[in-house]
Protein backbone atom coordinates (compact mmCIF):
# COMPACT_ATOMS: atom_id res chain seq x y z
CA MET A 1 -80.09 50.84 -41.66
CA LEU A 2 -77.50 53.61 -41.46
CA VAL A 3 -73.93 52.70 -42.40
CA SER A 4 -72.73 53.74 -38.93
CA ALA A 5 -75.05 51.15 -37.39
CA LYS A 6 -73.49 48.50 -39.63
CA ILE A 7 -69.96 49.56 -38.63
CA PHE A 8 -70.61 49.60 -34.89
CA PRO A 9 -70.52 45.78 -34.44
CA LEU A 10 -67.03 45.87 -35.97
CA VAL A 11 -65.97 48.53 -33.46
CA SER A 12 -67.29 46.37 -30.63
CA LYS A 13 -65.60 43.27 -32.00
CA HIS A 14 -62.15 44.75 -32.41
CA GLY A 15 -62.04 47.27 -29.56
CA THR A 16 -61.97 46.72 -25.80
CA GLU A 17 -65.10 47.23 -23.73
CA ASP A 18 -63.61 50.37 -22.18
CA SER A 19 -62.52 51.87 -25.51
CA VAL A 20 -65.93 51.28 -27.10
CA LYS A 21 -67.71 52.84 -24.11
CA TRP A 22 -65.35 55.82 -24.22
CA LEU A 23 -65.99 56.35 -27.94
CA ASN A 24 -69.76 56.16 -27.61
CA GLU A 25 -69.72 58.72 -24.80
CA LYS A 26 -67.56 61.07 -26.85
CA ILE A 27 -69.81 60.72 -29.91
CA ASP A 28 -72.94 61.43 -27.86
CA LYS A 29 -71.35 64.61 -26.55
CA ILE A 30 -70.14 65.70 -30.01
CA ILE A 31 -73.60 65.25 -31.53
CA GLU A 32 -75.53 66.76 -28.63
CA GLN A 33 -73.33 69.86 -28.41
CA LYS A 34 -72.50 70.04 -32.14
CA SER A 35 -68.89 70.43 -31.12
CA GLY A 36 -66.28 70.53 -33.86
CA ARG A 37 -63.61 70.95 -31.17
CA ASP A 38 -64.61 67.71 -29.44
CA LEU A 39 -64.72 65.94 -32.79
CA PHE A 40 -61.12 66.96 -33.52
CA LEU A 41 -59.96 65.96 -30.03
CA THR A 42 -61.73 62.61 -30.11
CA TYR A 43 -60.35 61.80 -33.55
CA SER A 44 -56.81 62.57 -32.39
CA GLN A 45 -57.22 60.40 -29.28
CA LEU A 46 -58.46 57.32 -31.10
CA ALA A 47 -54.90 56.09 -31.64
CA THR A 48 -54.52 55.78 -27.85
CA LYS A 49 -57.72 53.78 -27.50
CA PHE A 50 -57.77 51.41 -30.51
CA ASP A 51 -54.90 49.16 -31.57
CA VAL A 52 -53.36 49.66 -34.99
CA GLU A 53 -52.06 46.08 -34.81
CA THR A 54 -55.49 44.48 -34.34
CA LYS A 55 -56.68 43.30 -37.76
CA GLY A 56 -60.27 43.27 -38.88
CA THR A 57 -62.40 43.52 -42.02
CA PHE A 58 -65.07 45.85 -43.28
CA ASP A 59 -67.68 43.50 -44.75
CA LEU A 60 -70.83 45.54 -45.21
CA GLN A 61 -73.88 45.27 -47.44
CA LEU A 62 -74.70 48.77 -48.62
CA ALA A 63 -78.04 50.31 -49.51
CA ASP A 64 -77.54 49.63 -53.23
CA GLY A 65 -77.09 45.92 -52.49
CA SER A 66 -73.35 45.92 -53.14
CA ILE A 67 -70.87 44.41 -50.71
CA PHE A 68 -68.05 46.60 -49.42
CA GLU A 69 -65.17 44.46 -48.20
CA ARG A 70 -61.70 45.68 -47.23
CA ALA A 71 -59.16 44.71 -44.61
CA ALA A 72 -58.88 47.22 -41.77
CA THR A 73 -57.24 47.70 -38.41
CA ALA A 74 -59.19 48.41 -35.24
CA LEU A 75 -57.93 52.00 -35.39
CA GLU A 76 -59.14 52.42 -38.98
CA ILE A 77 -62.55 51.01 -38.07
CA SER A 78 -62.88 53.36 -35.11
CA ARG A 79 -61.86 56.40 -37.17
CA MET A 80 -64.39 55.69 -39.87
CA TYR A 81 -67.12 54.87 -37.36
CA LEU A 82 -66.62 58.26 -35.71
CA LEU A 83 -66.73 60.16 -39.01
CA VAL A 84 -69.64 58.21 -40.47
CA LYS A 85 -71.64 58.46 -37.25
CA VAL A 86 -71.43 62.24 -36.94
CA LEU A 87 -72.18 62.67 -40.64
CA ASP A 88 -75.17 60.33 -40.32
CA GLU A 89 -76.50 62.58 -37.57
CA ASP A 90 -75.91 65.95 -39.25
CA THR A 91 -74.14 65.99 -42.61
CA ILE A 92 -74.62 69.71 -43.18
CA PHE A 93 -72.97 70.73 -39.91
CA PHE A 94 -70.20 68.12 -39.71
CA GLN A 95 -69.15 67.96 -43.39
CA SER A 96 -66.83 70.96 -43.09
CA LYS A 97 -65.44 69.64 -39.80
CA VAL A 98 -64.62 66.27 -41.32
CA ALA A 99 -63.05 68.00 -44.33
CA THR A 100 -60.79 69.97 -41.98
CA ILE A 101 -59.68 66.78 -40.25
CA ILE A 102 -58.63 65.33 -43.58
CA GLU A 103 -56.84 68.51 -44.69
CA ILE A 104 -54.46 68.25 -41.74
CA ALA A 105 -54.26 64.44 -41.68
CA ASP A 106 -50.94 62.63 -41.73
CA THR A 107 -50.30 60.03 -44.43
CA GLY A 108 -51.73 57.13 -42.44
CA GLU A 109 -54.92 59.00 -41.62
CA LEU A 110 -55.33 60.11 -45.22
CA VAL A 111 -54.89 56.55 -46.44
CA THR A 112 -57.62 55.38 -44.06
CA PHE A 113 -59.98 58.13 -45.19
CA LEU A 114 -59.44 57.39 -48.88
CA LYS A 115 -59.78 53.62 -48.49
CA PHE A 116 -63.18 53.98 -46.87
CA ILE A 117 -64.41 57.28 -48.34
CA TYR A 118 -67.16 55.42 -50.20
CA LEU A 119 -68.86 54.63 -46.87
CA LEU A 120 -69.37 58.28 -45.91
CA PRO A 121 -72.88 59.75 -46.07
CA GLN A 122 -73.11 61.96 -49.18
CA ALA A 123 -69.61 60.80 -50.11
CA GLU A 124 -69.60 62.99 -53.22
CA LEU A 125 -69.06 65.99 -50.91
CA PHE A 126 -65.49 64.77 -50.39
CA LYS A 127 -64.67 64.37 -54.07
CA ASN A 128 -62.05 67.11 -54.03
CA THR A 129 -60.00 65.13 -51.53
CA ALA A 130 -60.24 62.02 -53.69
CA VAL A 131 -59.24 63.86 -56.86
CA GLU A 132 -56.37 65.61 -55.10
CA ALA A 133 -55.02 62.19 -54.09
CA LEU A 134 -54.42 61.45 -57.78
CA ARG A 135 -51.66 64.08 -57.78
CA THR A 136 -49.54 62.27 -55.23
CA ASN A 137 -46.47 60.19 -55.96
CA ILE A 138 -46.87 58.36 -52.66
CA ALA A 139 -47.97 54.91 -53.79
CA GLU A 140 -49.79 54.14 -50.53
CA VAL A 141 -52.00 57.21 -50.87
CA PHE A 142 -52.61 56.72 -54.59
CA ASP A 143 -53.48 53.05 -54.08
CA ALA A 144 -55.97 53.90 -51.34
CA ILE A 145 -58.26 55.78 -53.72
CA THR A 146 -57.44 53.84 -56.90
CA LEU A 147 -57.33 50.14 -56.01
CA ASN A 148 -60.19 47.98 -54.78
CA ASN A 149 -62.25 51.13 -54.28
CA PRO A 150 -65.68 51.77 -55.85
CA TYR A 151 -65.50 55.53 -55.21
CA PRO A 152 -63.77 56.63 -58.46
CA ALA A 153 -66.13 54.64 -60.69
CA THR A 154 -69.12 56.12 -58.87
CA TYR A 155 -68.10 59.77 -58.57
CA PHE A 156 -65.26 60.65 -60.97
CA ASN A 157 -66.04 62.23 -64.33
CA ASP A 158 -64.33 60.83 -67.43
CA GLN A 159 -61.40 63.24 -67.25
CA GLN A 160 -60.69 62.34 -63.63
CA TRP A 161 -61.14 58.64 -64.31
CA ASN A 162 -58.82 58.75 -67.30
CA GLN A 163 -56.19 60.64 -65.32
CA MET A 164 -56.36 58.00 -62.60
CA TYR A 165 -56.14 55.08 -65.02
CA LEU A 166 -53.16 56.48 -66.94
CA LYS A 167 -51.27 57.34 -63.77
CA ALA A 168 -51.96 53.87 -62.36
CA ALA A 169 -50.29 52.42 -65.44
CA PHE A 170 -47.43 54.92 -65.27
CA MET A 171 -46.83 54.10 -61.58
CA GLU A 172 -47.05 50.38 -62.42
CA ARG A 173 -49.88 49.69 -59.99
CA ASP A 174 -51.97 46.50 -60.18
CA LEU A 175 -54.56 47.42 -62.81
CA SER A 176 -56.57 44.28 -62.07
CA MET A 177 -57.59 45.88 -58.76
CA ILE A 178 -59.28 48.91 -60.32
CA VAL A 179 -63.06 48.61 -59.92
CA SER A 180 -65.44 48.89 -62.93
CA ILE A 181 -62.84 49.22 -65.69
CA ASP A 182 -65.28 47.99 -68.35
CA THR A 183 -68.18 50.24 -67.37
CA ARG A 184 -65.99 53.36 -67.15
CA ALA A 185 -64.26 52.79 -70.49
CA ASN A 186 -64.67 55.78 -72.79
CA LYS A 187 -63.52 56.89 -76.23
CA GLU A 188 -61.07 59.52 -75.00
CA LEU A 189 -59.41 56.97 -72.73
CA THR A 190 -58.81 54.65 -75.67
CA ARG A 191 -56.98 57.43 -77.50
CA ILE A 192 -54.87 58.09 -74.41
CA ILE A 193 -54.06 54.38 -74.08
CA SER A 194 -52.97 54.08 -77.71
CA ASP A 195 -50.86 57.26 -77.57
CA TYR A 196 -49.17 56.12 -74.37
CA ALA A 197 -48.52 52.67 -75.81
CA HIS A 198 -46.89 54.15 -78.90
CA GLU A 199 -44.61 56.25 -76.70
CA ARG A 200 -43.59 53.18 -74.72
CA TRP A 201 -43.04 51.09 -77.84
CA ALA A 202 -40.91 53.84 -79.37
CA ALA A 203 -38.73 53.71 -76.26
CA THR A 204 -38.70 49.86 -76.44
CA ARG A 205 -40.41 49.66 -73.06
CA LYS A 206 -43.08 47.20 -71.95
CA ILE A 207 -46.70 47.96 -71.06
CA ASP A 208 -48.88 46.04 -68.63
CA PRO A 209 -51.10 44.02 -71.01
CA LEU A 210 -54.09 44.70 -68.75
CA PHE A 211 -53.74 48.36 -69.75
CA TRP A 212 -55.53 47.58 -73.05
CA ARG A 213 -58.77 46.37 -71.49
CA PRO A 214 -60.79 49.63 -71.86
CA VAL A 215 -60.25 49.83 -75.63
CA THR A 216 -62.33 46.72 -76.31
CA LYS A 217 -65.55 48.43 -77.43
CA PHE A 218 -63.84 51.30 -79.25
CA LEU A 219 -61.64 49.64 -81.86
CA ASN A 220 -61.02 52.05 -84.71
CA GLU A 221 -58.40 51.93 -87.46
CA THR A 222 -55.57 53.00 -85.16
CA LEU A 223 -56.54 50.58 -82.43
CA LEU A 224 -56.99 47.73 -84.88
CA ALA A 225 -53.36 48.31 -85.93
CA ASP A 226 -52.45 48.17 -82.24
CA MET A 227 -54.30 44.86 -81.92
CA MET A 228 -52.33 43.48 -84.87
CA GLN A 229 -49.11 44.44 -83.12
CA LEU A 230 -50.23 42.81 -79.88
CA LEU A 231 -51.28 39.60 -81.59
CA ALA A 232 -48.00 39.40 -83.53
CA SER A 233 -45.85 40.19 -80.49
CA ASP A 234 -43.34 37.68 -79.13
CA ASP A 235 -44.83 38.37 -75.68
CA ILE A 236 -47.57 35.82 -74.88
CA PHE A 237 -49.32 38.22 -72.51
CA GLU A 238 -49.61 40.86 -75.21
CA ASN A 239 -51.02 38.17 -77.51
CA ARG A 240 -53.64 37.37 -74.91
CA ALA A 241 -54.56 41.03 -74.39
CA GLY A 242 -55.00 41.56 -78.11
CA ALA A 243 -57.09 38.42 -78.40
CA LEU A 244 -59.39 39.41 -75.53
CA CYS A 245 -59.93 42.88 -76.97
CA CYS A 246 -60.76 41.49 -80.40
CA PHE A 247 -63.02 38.71 -79.14
CA ASN A 248 -65.12 41.00 -76.94
CA SER A 249 -65.24 43.94 -79.34
CA ASN A 250 -68.28 43.09 -81.50
CA ASN A 251 -66.13 44.45 -84.31
CA ALA A 252 -66.12 42.38 -87.52
CA GLU A 253 -62.59 43.44 -88.52
CA ALA A 254 -61.26 42.59 -85.07
CA GLU A 255 -62.97 39.22 -85.11
CA LYS A 256 -61.39 38.57 -88.51
CA LEU A 257 -57.94 39.36 -87.07
CA LEU A 258 -58.50 36.84 -84.32
CA GLU A 259 -59.29 34.07 -86.80
CA ALA A 260 -55.55 33.83 -87.48
CA TYR A 261 -55.00 32.85 -83.83
CA PRO A 262 -57.38 29.92 -83.28
CA LEU A 263 -55.71 28.61 -80.10
CA LEU A 264 -56.22 31.92 -78.34
CA LYS A 265 -59.81 32.12 -79.53
CA GLU A 266 -60.51 28.58 -78.32
CA LYS A 267 -59.17 29.40 -74.86
CA ILE A 268 -61.39 32.46 -74.62
CA ILE A 269 -64.47 30.50 -75.73
CA ALA A 270 -63.66 27.83 -73.14
CA ASN A 271 -63.32 30.58 -70.49
CA GLU A 272 -59.73 29.50 -69.89
CA LEU A 273 -58.51 32.95 -70.92
CA THR A 274 -60.11 36.02 -69.34
CA TRP A 275 -58.83 39.38 -68.14
CA ASN A 276 -58.62 37.82 -64.69
CA THR A 277 -56.44 34.93 -65.88
CA LEU A 278 -54.41 36.78 -68.51
CA LYS A 279 -51.17 36.71 -66.49
CA ASN A 280 -51.53 33.14 -65.20
């Protein structure tokens, strides 16, 4: 089943009968006439037809078996339905038209696009927009692509992923909401994490303890020294981060370090301490 067909029931649920009928008629005309002009006009008119205050949820099972779930307004649902539907019908023709819409989008429209970019047919075609969003200092835009979004883990290369992860830490975003941190961990990122941590420590500034999670499988001499500092810290959350890295590392030296902190090790074994409960 096409993604647009899965989204349509949400459009019907959160829109009025008249607004849904209007949208379907517009989409039929856009597809039949291959009209970029009508696509632009329809997209701009959606805000007059679907309520931004009406709350809904994208809860879709995708072709790969994964579940995509994010809160959305009726307006956001209608916007994404329109874009996904025309791309489902003719990706080659409408890809450039959709790209143009996003280039001139206001902040709210861009946030919507980035939040749900993963749902687009051939979503990798819009990677430039996603990568460009990493440059912003507008937290709402950055969060839309970075947090609770499977797109970066699926389509970003290591350099782009690492840039996103470091900036998320720098902007003090909620690192626990980044999808697939463990699977996208890489050796270069661990070097970046250690270097950044040393800069922060030199300035006597704190680091989100969750920031250390990607280093787990890459503990070298430098990172083992970092783990020693975390475990010896007077900050309990840094202790926990160091313990989790050591325990899950499959590194004999790291496991030996952890032996000096039996209470932390016991909590990890008992599943009382995980990355998800570190700050509890």
